Amino acid sequence: MPNELYRNEKERAVHQDLIHTISLESGMPEGKVEALYESEFEKLKASAKVMEYLPVLIRRRVRETLKSEGHLDAHV
């Protein structure tokens, strides 16, 4: 079953790069970060008018979640 979250491979690659970066910053497994990221993506995608801003908004939300769980330093 194909992942219909992403419109194409280019979009998927952009998001996967951010997932990887957040994983490295937080020390969290990429799978956990990916689950958080894709959950936020699904929430925001439904009402997004400009898809190009989503990676920035999603990254911020995932990082805030990880900070609140103690997985990221406040300065990162």
PDB file of N, CA and C in Angstrom:
ATOM      1  N   MET A   1       0.841  -1.185   0.000  1.00  0.00           N
ATOM      2  CA  MET A   1       0.000   0.000   0.000  1.00  0.00           C
ATOM      3  C   MET A   1       0.884   1.245   0.000  1.00  0.00           C
ATOM      4  N   PRO A   2       0.791   2.087  -1.004  1.00  0.00           N
ATOM      5  CA  PRO A   2       1.640   3.272  -1.085  1.00  0.00           C
ATOM      6  C   PRO A   2       1.245   4.304  -0.025  1.00  0.00           C
ATOM      7  N   ASN A   3       2.227   5.064   0.425  1.00  0.00           N
ATOM      8  CA  ASN A   3       1.980   6.123   1.392  1.00  0.00           C
ATOM      9  C   ASN A   3       1.421   7.324   0.642  1.00  0.00           C
ATOM     10  N   GLU A   4       0.161   7.644   0.900  1.00  0.00           N
ATOM     11  CA  GLU A   4      -0.499   8.744   0.193  1.00  0.00           C
ATOM     12  C   GLU A   4      -0.341  10.077   0.912  1.00  0.00           C
ATOM     13  N   LEU A   5       0.456  10.098   1.947  1.00  0.00           N
ATOM     14  CA  LEU A   5       0.693  11.326   2.691  1.00  0.00           C
ATOM     15  C   LEU A   5       1.445  12.342   1.835  1.00  0.00           C
ATOM     16  N   TYR A   6       2.389  11.852   1.058  1.00  0.00           N
ATOM     17  CA  TYR A   6       3.218  12.726   0.224  1.00  0.00           C
ATOM     18  C   TYR A   6       2.710  12.731  -1.208  1.00  0.00           C
ATOM     19  N   ARG A   7       2.778  13.897  -1.850  1.00  0.00           N
ATOM     20  CA  ARG A   7       2.284  14.031  -3.226  1.00  0.00           C
ATOM     21  C   ARG A   7       3.207  13.377  -4.241  1.00  0.00           C
ATOM     22  N   ASN A   8       4.496  13.356  -3.942  1.00  0.00           N
ATOM     23  CA  ASN A   8       5.455  12.784  -4.881  1.00  0.00           C
ATOM     24  C   ASN A   8       6.760  12.480  -4.135  1.00  0.00           C
ATOM     25  N   GLU A   9       7.704  11.893  -4.839  1.00  0.00           N
ATOM     26  CA  GLU A   9       8.975  11.504  -4.214  1.00  0.00           C
ATOM     27  C   GLU A   9       9.806  12.711  -3.783  1.00  0.00           C
ATOM     28  N   LYS A  10       9.722  13.798  -4.518  1.00  0.00           N
ATOM     29  CA  LYS A  10      10.472  15.001  -4.148  1.00  0.00           C
ATOM     30  C   LYS A  10       9.972  15.543  -2.810  1.00  0.00           C
ATOM     31  N   GLU A  11       8.666  15.604  -2.641  1.00  0.00           N
ATOM     32  CA  GLU A  11       8.096  16.067  -1.384  1.00  0.00           C
ATOM     33  C   GLU A  11       8.461  15.109  -0.249  1.00  0.00           C
ATOM     34  N   ARG A  12       8.381  13.817  -0.493  1.00  0.00           N
ATOM     35  CA  ARG A  12       8.733  12.824   0.509  1.00  0.00           C
ATOM     36  C   ARG A  12      10.185  12.995   0.943  1.00  0.00           C
ATOM     37  N   ALA A  13      11.077  13.233  -0.013  1.00  0.00           N
ATOM     38  CA  ALA A  13      12.502  13.387   0.290  1.00  0.00           C
ATOM     39  C   ALA A  13      12.755  14.604   1.182  1.00  0.00           C
ATOM     40  N   VAL A  14      12.056  15.704   0.934  1.00  0.00           N
ATOM     41  CA  VAL A  14      12.206  16.908   1.764  1.00  0.00           C
ATOM     42  C   VAL A  14      11.829  16.588   3.202  1.00  0.00           C
ATOM     43  N   HIS A  15      10.710  15.929   3.380  1.00  0.00           N
ATOM     44  CA  HIS A  15      10.240  15.607   4.727  1.00  0.00           C
ATOM     45  C   HIS A  15      11.143  14.564   5.392  1.00  0.00           C
ATOM     46  N   GLN A  16      11.614  13.592   4.640  1.00  0.00           N
ATOM     47  CA  GLN A  16      12.502  12.574   5.204  1.00  0.00           C
ATOM     48  C   GLN A  16      13.817  13.191   5.669  1.00  0.00           C
ATOM     49  N   ASP A  17      14.317  14.169   4.945  1.00  0.00           N
ATOM     50  CA  ASP A  17      15.537  14.868   5.370  1.00  0.00           C
ATOM     51  C   ASP A  17      15.322  15.571   6.712  1.00  0.00           C
ATOM     52  N   LEU A  18      14.166  16.202   6.874  1.00  0.00           N
ATOM     53  CA  LEU A  18      13.873  16.870   8.139  1.00  0.00           C
ATOM     54  C   LEU A  18      13.706  15.867   9.272  1.00  0.00           C
ATOM     55  N   ILE A  19      13.062  14.763   9.000  1.00  0.00           N
ATOM     56  CA  ILE A  19      12.896  13.708  10.003  1.00  0.00           C
ATOM     57  C   ILE A  19      14.272  13.227  10.464  1.00  0.00           C
ATOM     58  N   HIS A  20      15.158  13.005   9.514  1.00  0.00           N
ATOM     59  CA  HIS A  20      16.513  12.548   9.836  1.00  0.00           C
ATOM     60  C   HIS A  20      17.251  13.587  10.693  1.00  0.00           C
ATOM     61  N   THR A  21      17.142  14.850  10.325  1.00  0.00           N
ATOM     62  CA  THR A  21      17.802  15.931  11.064  1.00  0.00           C
ATOM     63  C   THR A  21      17.266  16.025  12.488  1.00  0.00           C
ATOM     64  N   ILE A  22      15.962  15.965  12.645  1.00  0.00           N
ATOM     65  CA  ILE A  22      15.364  16.038  13.981  1.00  0.00           C
ATOM     66  C   ILE A  22      15.810  14.844  14.811  1.00  0.00           C
ATOM     67  N   SER A  23      15.893  13.686  14.201  1.00  0.00           N
ATOM     68  CA  SER A  23      16.345  12.482  14.889  1.00  0.00           C
ATOM     69  C   SER A  23      17.771  12.669  15.407  1.00  0.00           C
ATOM     70  N   LEU A  24      18.642  13.214  14.578  1.00  0.00           N
ATOM     71  CA  LEU A  24      20.021  13.459  14.993  1.00  0.00           C
ATOM     72  C   LEU A  24      20.094  14.491  16.111  1.00  0.00           C
ATOM     73  N   GLU A  25      19.322  15.573  16.001  1.00  0.00           N
ATOM     74  CA  GLU A  25      19.321  16.628  17.014  1.00  0.00           C
ATOM     75  C   GLU A  25      18.833  16.121  18.372  1.00  0.00           C
ATOM     76  N   SER A  26      17.838  15.249  18.323  1.00  0.00           N
ATOM     77  CA  SER A  26      17.181  14.812  19.556  1.00  0.00           C
ATOM     78  C   SER A  26      17.755  13.530  20.146  1.00  0.00           C
ATOM     79  N   GLY A  27      18.456  12.759  19.318  1.00  0.00           N
ATOM     80  CA  GLY A  27      18.940  11.468  19.769  1.00  0.00           C
ATOM     81  C   GLY A  27      17.837  10.417  19.821  1.00  0.00           C
ATOM     82  N   MET A  28      16.674  10.762  19.287  1.00  0.00           N
ATOM     83  CA  MET A  28      15.542   9.834  19.262  1.00  0.00           C
ATOM     84  C   MET A  28      15.614   8.979  18.006  1.00  0.00           C
ATOM     85  N   PRO A  29      15.119   7.750  18.094  1.00  0.00           N
ATOM     86  CA  PRO A  29      15.105   6.893  16.901  1.00  0.00           C
ATOM     87  C   PRO A  29      14.303   7.540  15.770  1.00  0.00           C
ATOM     88  N   GLU A  30      14.791   7.364  14.572  1.00  0.00           N
ATOM     89  CA  GLU A  30      14.140   7.972  13.420  1.00  0.00           C
ATOM     90  C   GLU A  30      12.683   7.526  13.294  1.00  0.00           C
ATOM     91  N   GLY A  31      12.397   6.294  13.662  1.00  0.00           N
ATOM     92  CA  GLY A  31      11.025   5.796  13.574  1.00  0.00           C
ATOM     93  C   GLY A  31      10.064   6.561  14.472  1.00  0.00           C
ATOM     94  N   LYS A  32      10.509   6.902  15.698  1.00  0.00           N
ATOM     95  CA  LYS A  32       9.659   7.682  16.603  1.00  0.00           C
ATOM     96  C   LYS A  32       9.460   9.089  16.067  1.00  0.00           C
ATOM     97  N   VAL A  33      10.533   9.697  15.589  1.00  0.00           N
ATOM     98  CA  VAL A  33      10.439  11.045  15.033  1.00  0.00           C
ATOM     99  C   VAL A  33       9.523  11.030  13.808  1.00  0.00           C
ATOM    100  N   GLU A  34       9.666  10.025  12.974  1.00  0.00           N
ATOM    101  CA  GLU A  34       8.836   9.920  11.777  1.00  0.00           C
ATOM    102  C   GLU A  34       7.355   9.810  12.146  1.00  0.00           C
ATOM    103  N   ALA A  35       7.039   9.027  13.166  1.00  0.00           N
ATOM    104  CA  ALA A  35       5.647   8.888  13.597  1.00  0.00           C
ATOM    105  C   ALA A  35       5.087  10.225  14.082  1.00  0.00           C
ATOM    106  N   LEU A  36       5.857  10.948  14.902  1.00  0.00           N
ATOM    107  CA  LEU A  36       5.424  12.275  15.368  1.00  0.00           C
ATOM    108  C   LEU A  36       5.259  13.238  14.198  1.00  0.00           C
ATOM    109  N   TYR A  37       6.240  13.240  13.322  1.00  0.00           N
ATOM    110  CA  TYR A  37       6.260  14.141  12.175  1.00  0.00           C
ATOM    111  C   TYR A  37       5.061  13.890  11.266  1.00  0.00           C
ATOM    112  N   GLU A  38       4.832  12.626  10.923  1.00  0.00           N
ATOM    113  CA  GLU A  38       3.742  12.310  10.003  1.00  0.00           C
ATOM    114  C   GLU A  38       2.378  12.549  10.636  1.00  0.00           C
ATOM    115  N   SER A  39       2.283  12.391  11.942  1.00  0.00           N
ATOM    116  CA  SER A  39       1.032  12.707  12.640  1.00  0.00           C
ATOM    117  C   SER A  39       0.725  14.203  12.511  1.00  0.00           C
ATOM    118  N   GLU A  40       1.738  15.030  12.750  1.00  0.00           N
ATOM    119  CA  GLU A  40       1.566  16.481  12.591  1.00  0.00           C
ATOM    120  C   GLU A  40       1.278  16.846  11.143  1.00  0.00           C
ATOM    121  N   PHE A  41       1.951  16.181  10.232  1.00  0.00           N
ATOM    122  CA  PHE A  41       1.744  16.444   8.808  1.00  0.00           C
ATOM    123  C   PHE A  41       0.294  16.183   8.428  1.00  0.00           C
ATOM    124  N   GLU A  42      -0.243  15.065   8.869  1.00  0.00           N
ATOM    125  CA  GLU A  42      -1.638  14.739   8.556  1.00  0.00           C
ATOM    126  C   GLU A  42      -2.593  15.803   9.095  1.00  0.00           C
ATOM    127  N   LYS A  43      -2.341  16.274  10.315  1.00  0.00           N
ATOM    128  CA  LYS A  43      -3.199  17.296  10.914  1.00  0.00           C
ATOM    129  C   LYS A  43      -3.169  18.599  10.120  1.00  0.00           C
ATOM    130  N   LEU A  44      -1.962  19.036   9.765  1.00  0.00           N
ATOM    131  CA  LEU A  44      -1.806  20.334   9.101  1.00  0.00           C
ATOM    132  C   LEU A  44      -2.145  20.298   7.612  1.00  0.00           C
ATOM    133  N   LYS A  45      -1.892  19.181   6.978  1.00  0.00           N
ATOM    134  CA  LYS A  45      -2.092  19.069   5.532  1.00  0.00           C
ATOM    135  C   LYS A  45      -3.552  19.299   5.148  1.00  0.00           C
ATOM    136  N   ALA A  46      -4.465  18.847   5.975  1.00  0.00           N
ATOM    137  CA  ALA A  46      -5.890  18.945   5.666  1.00  0.00           C
ATOM    138  C   ALA A  46      -6.351  20.390   5.478  1.00  0.00           C
ATOM    139  N   SER A  47      -5.753  21.321   6.231  1.00  0.00           N
ATOM    140  CA  SER A  47      -6.202  22.713   6.145  1.00  0.00           C
ATOM    141  C   SER A  47      -5.170  23.645   5.516  1.00  0.00           C
ATOM    142  N   ALA A  48      -4.072  23.100   5.050  1.00  0.00           N
ATOM    143  CA  ALA A  48      -2.995  23.939   4.503  1.00  0.00           C
ATOM    144  C   ALA A  48      -3.391  24.568   3.173  1.00  0.00           C
ATOM    145  N   LYS A  49      -3.106  25.841   3.060  1.00  0.00           N
ATOM    146  CA  LYS A  49      -3.342  26.537   1.796  1.00  0.00           C
ATOM    147  C   LYS A  49      -2.049  26.626   0.987  1.00  0.00           C
ATOM    148  N   VAL A  50      -0.921  26.709   1.689  1.00  0.00           N
ATOM    149  CA  VAL A  50       0.384  26.791   1.033  1.00  0.00           C
ATOM    150  C   VAL A  50       1.220  25.621   1.550  1.00  0.00           C
ATOM    151  N   MET A  51       1.354  24.594   0.738  1.00  0.00           N
ATOM    152  CA  MET A  51       2.030  23.360   1.143  1.00  0.00           C
ATOM    153  C   MET A  51       3.520  23.565   1.411  1.00  0.00           C
ATOM    154  N   GLU A  52       4.114  24.570   0.801  1.00  0.00           N
ATOM    155  CA  GLU A  52       5.548  24.797   0.935  1.00  0.00           C
ATOM    156  C   GLU A  52       5.945  25.183   2.357  1.00  0.00           C
ATOM    157  N   TYR A  53       5.005  25.713   3.158  1.00  0.00           N
ATOM    158  CA  TYR A  53       5.306  26.107   4.535  1.00  0.00           C
ATOM    159  C   TYR A  53       5.208  24.943   5.514  1.00  0.00           C
ATOM    160  N   LEU A  54       4.584  23.855   5.109  1.00  0.00           N
ATOM    161  CA  LEU A  54       4.363  22.747   6.024  1.00  0.00           C
ATOM    162  C   LEU A  54       5.636  22.193   6.663  1.00  0.00           C
ATOM    163  N   PRO A  55       6.710  21.959   5.920  1.00  0.00           N
ATOM    164  CA  PRO A  55       7.908  21.412   6.570  1.00  0.00           C
ATOM    165  C   PRO A  55       8.391  22.263   7.747  1.00  0.00           C
ATOM    166  N   VAL A  56       8.336  23.580   7.608  1.00  0.00           N
ATOM    167  CA  VAL A  56       8.784  24.474   8.673  1.00  0.00           C
ATOM    168  C   VAL A  56       7.853  24.366   9.879  1.00  0.00           C
ATOM    169  N   LEU A  57       6.570  24.384   9.639  1.00  0.00           N
ATOM    170  CA  LEU A  57       5.600  24.309  10.734  1.00  0.00           C
ATOM    171  C   LEU A  57       5.651  22.959  11.435  1.00  0.00           C
ATOM    172  N   ILE A  58       5.755  21.902  10.672  1.00  0.00           N
ATOM    173  CA  ILE A  58       5.792  20.567  11.247  1.00  0.00           C
ATOM    174  C   ILE A  58       7.062  20.383  12.058  1.00  0.00           C
ATOM    175  N   ARG A  59       8.185  20.812  11.519  1.00  0.00           N
ATOM    176  CA  ARG A  59       9.464  20.696  12.240  1.00  0.00           C
ATOM    177  C   ARG A  59       9.370  21.399  13.587  1.00  0.00           C
ATOM    178  N   ARG A  60       8.815  22.591  13.597  1.00  0.00           N
ATOM    179  CA  ARG A  60       8.678  23.345  14.845  1.00  0.00           C
ATOM    180  C   ARG A  60       7.815  22.572  15.850  1.00  0.00           C
ATOM    181  N   ARG A  61       6.692  22.048  15.413  1.00  0.00           N
ATOM    182  CA  ARG A  61       5.799  21.324  16.322  1.00  0.00           C
ATOM    183  C   ARG A  61       6.443  20.052  16.872  1.00  0.00           C
ATOM    184  N   VAL A  62       7.124  19.318  16.015  1.00  0.00           N
ATOM    185  CA  VAL A  62       7.774  18.081  16.465  1.00  0.00           C
ATOM    186  C   VAL A  62       8.885  18.411  17.458  1.00  0.00           C
ATOM    187  N   ARG A  63       9.676  19.424  17.156  1.00  0.00           N
ATOM    188  CA  ARG A  63      10.751  19.825  18.069  1.00  0.00           C
ATOM    189  C   ARG A  63      10.178  20.281  19.410  1.00  0.00           C
ATOM    190  N   GLU A  64       9.053  21.013  19.408  1.00  0.00           N
ATOM    191  CA  GLU A  64       8.420  21.445  20.652  1.00  0.00           C
ATOM    192  C   GLU A  64       7.942  20.236  21.462  1.00  0.00           C
ATOM    193  N   THR A  65       7.391  19.249  20.786  1.00  0.00           N
ATOM    194  CA  THR A  65       6.949  18.030  21.460  1.00  0.00           C
ATOM    195  C   THR A  65       8.135  17.321  22.098  1.00  0.00           C
ATOM    196  N   LEU A  66       9.215  17.181  21.341  1.00  0.00           N
ATOM    197  CA  LEU A  66      10.396  16.508  21.862  1.00  0.00           C
ATOM    198  C   LEU A  66      11.027  17.292  23.016  1.00  0.00           C
ATOM    199  N   LYS A  67      11.020  18.617  22.927  1.00  0.00           N
ATOM    200  CA  LYS A  67      11.537  19.447  24.036  1.00  0.00           C
ATOM    201  C   LYS A  67      10.706  19.216  25.294  1.00  0.00           C
ATOM    202  N   SER A  68       9.397  19.189  25.127  1.00  0.00           N
ATOM    203  CA  SER A  68       8.522  19.022  26.300  1.00  0.00           C
ATOM    204  C   SER A  68       8.707  17.649  26.932  1.00  0.00           C
ATOM    205  N   GLU A  69       9.172  16.688  26.147  1.00  0.00           N
ATOM    206  CA  GLU A  69       9.446  15.335  26.661  1.00  0.00           C
ATOM    207  C   GLU A  69      10.895  15.203  27.157  1.00  0.00           C
ATOM    208  N   GLY A  70      11.666  16.297  27.050  1.00  0.00           N
ATOM    209  CA  GLY A  70      13.033  16.292  27.541  1.00  0.00           C
ATOM    210  C   GLY A  70      14.042  15.683  26.585  1.00  0.00           C
ATOM    211  N   HIS A  71      13.701  15.580  25.310  1.00  0.00           N
ATOM    212  CA  HIS A  71      14.607  14.979  24.324  1.00  0.00           C
ATOM    213  C   HIS A  71      15.438  15.993  23.546  1.00  0.00           C
ATOM    214  N   LEU A  72      15.141  17.263  23.694  1.00  0.00           N
ATOM    215  CA  LEU A  72      15.905  18.318  23.026  1.00  0.00           C
ATOM    216  C   LEU A  72      16.240  19.388  24.033  1.00  0.00           C
ATOM    217  N   ASP A  73      17.440  19.935  23.947  1.00  0.00           N
ATOM    218  CA  ASP A  73      17.805  21.077  24.770  1.00  0.00           C
ATOM    219  C   ASP A  73      17.058  22.299  24.264  1.00  0.00           C
ATOM    220  N   ALA A  74      16.820  23.244  25.119  1.00  0.00           N
ATOM    221  CA  ALA A  74      16.093  24.450  24.757  1.00  0.00           C
ATOM    222  C   ALA A  74      16.823  25.270  23.696  1.00  0.00           C
ATOM    223  N   HIS A  75      18.155  25.183  23.661  1.00  0.00           N
ATOM    224  CA  HIS A  75      18.917  26.007  22.695  1.00  0.00           C
ATOM    225  C   HIS A  75      19.035  25.342  21.324  1.00  0.00           C
ATOM    226  N   VAL A  76      18.613  24.113  21.151  1.00  0.00           N
ATOM    227  CA  VAL A  76      18.743  23.420  19.855  1.00  0.00           C
ATOM    228  C   VAL A  76      17.605  23.797  18.966  1.00  0.00           C
TER     229      VAL A  76
END
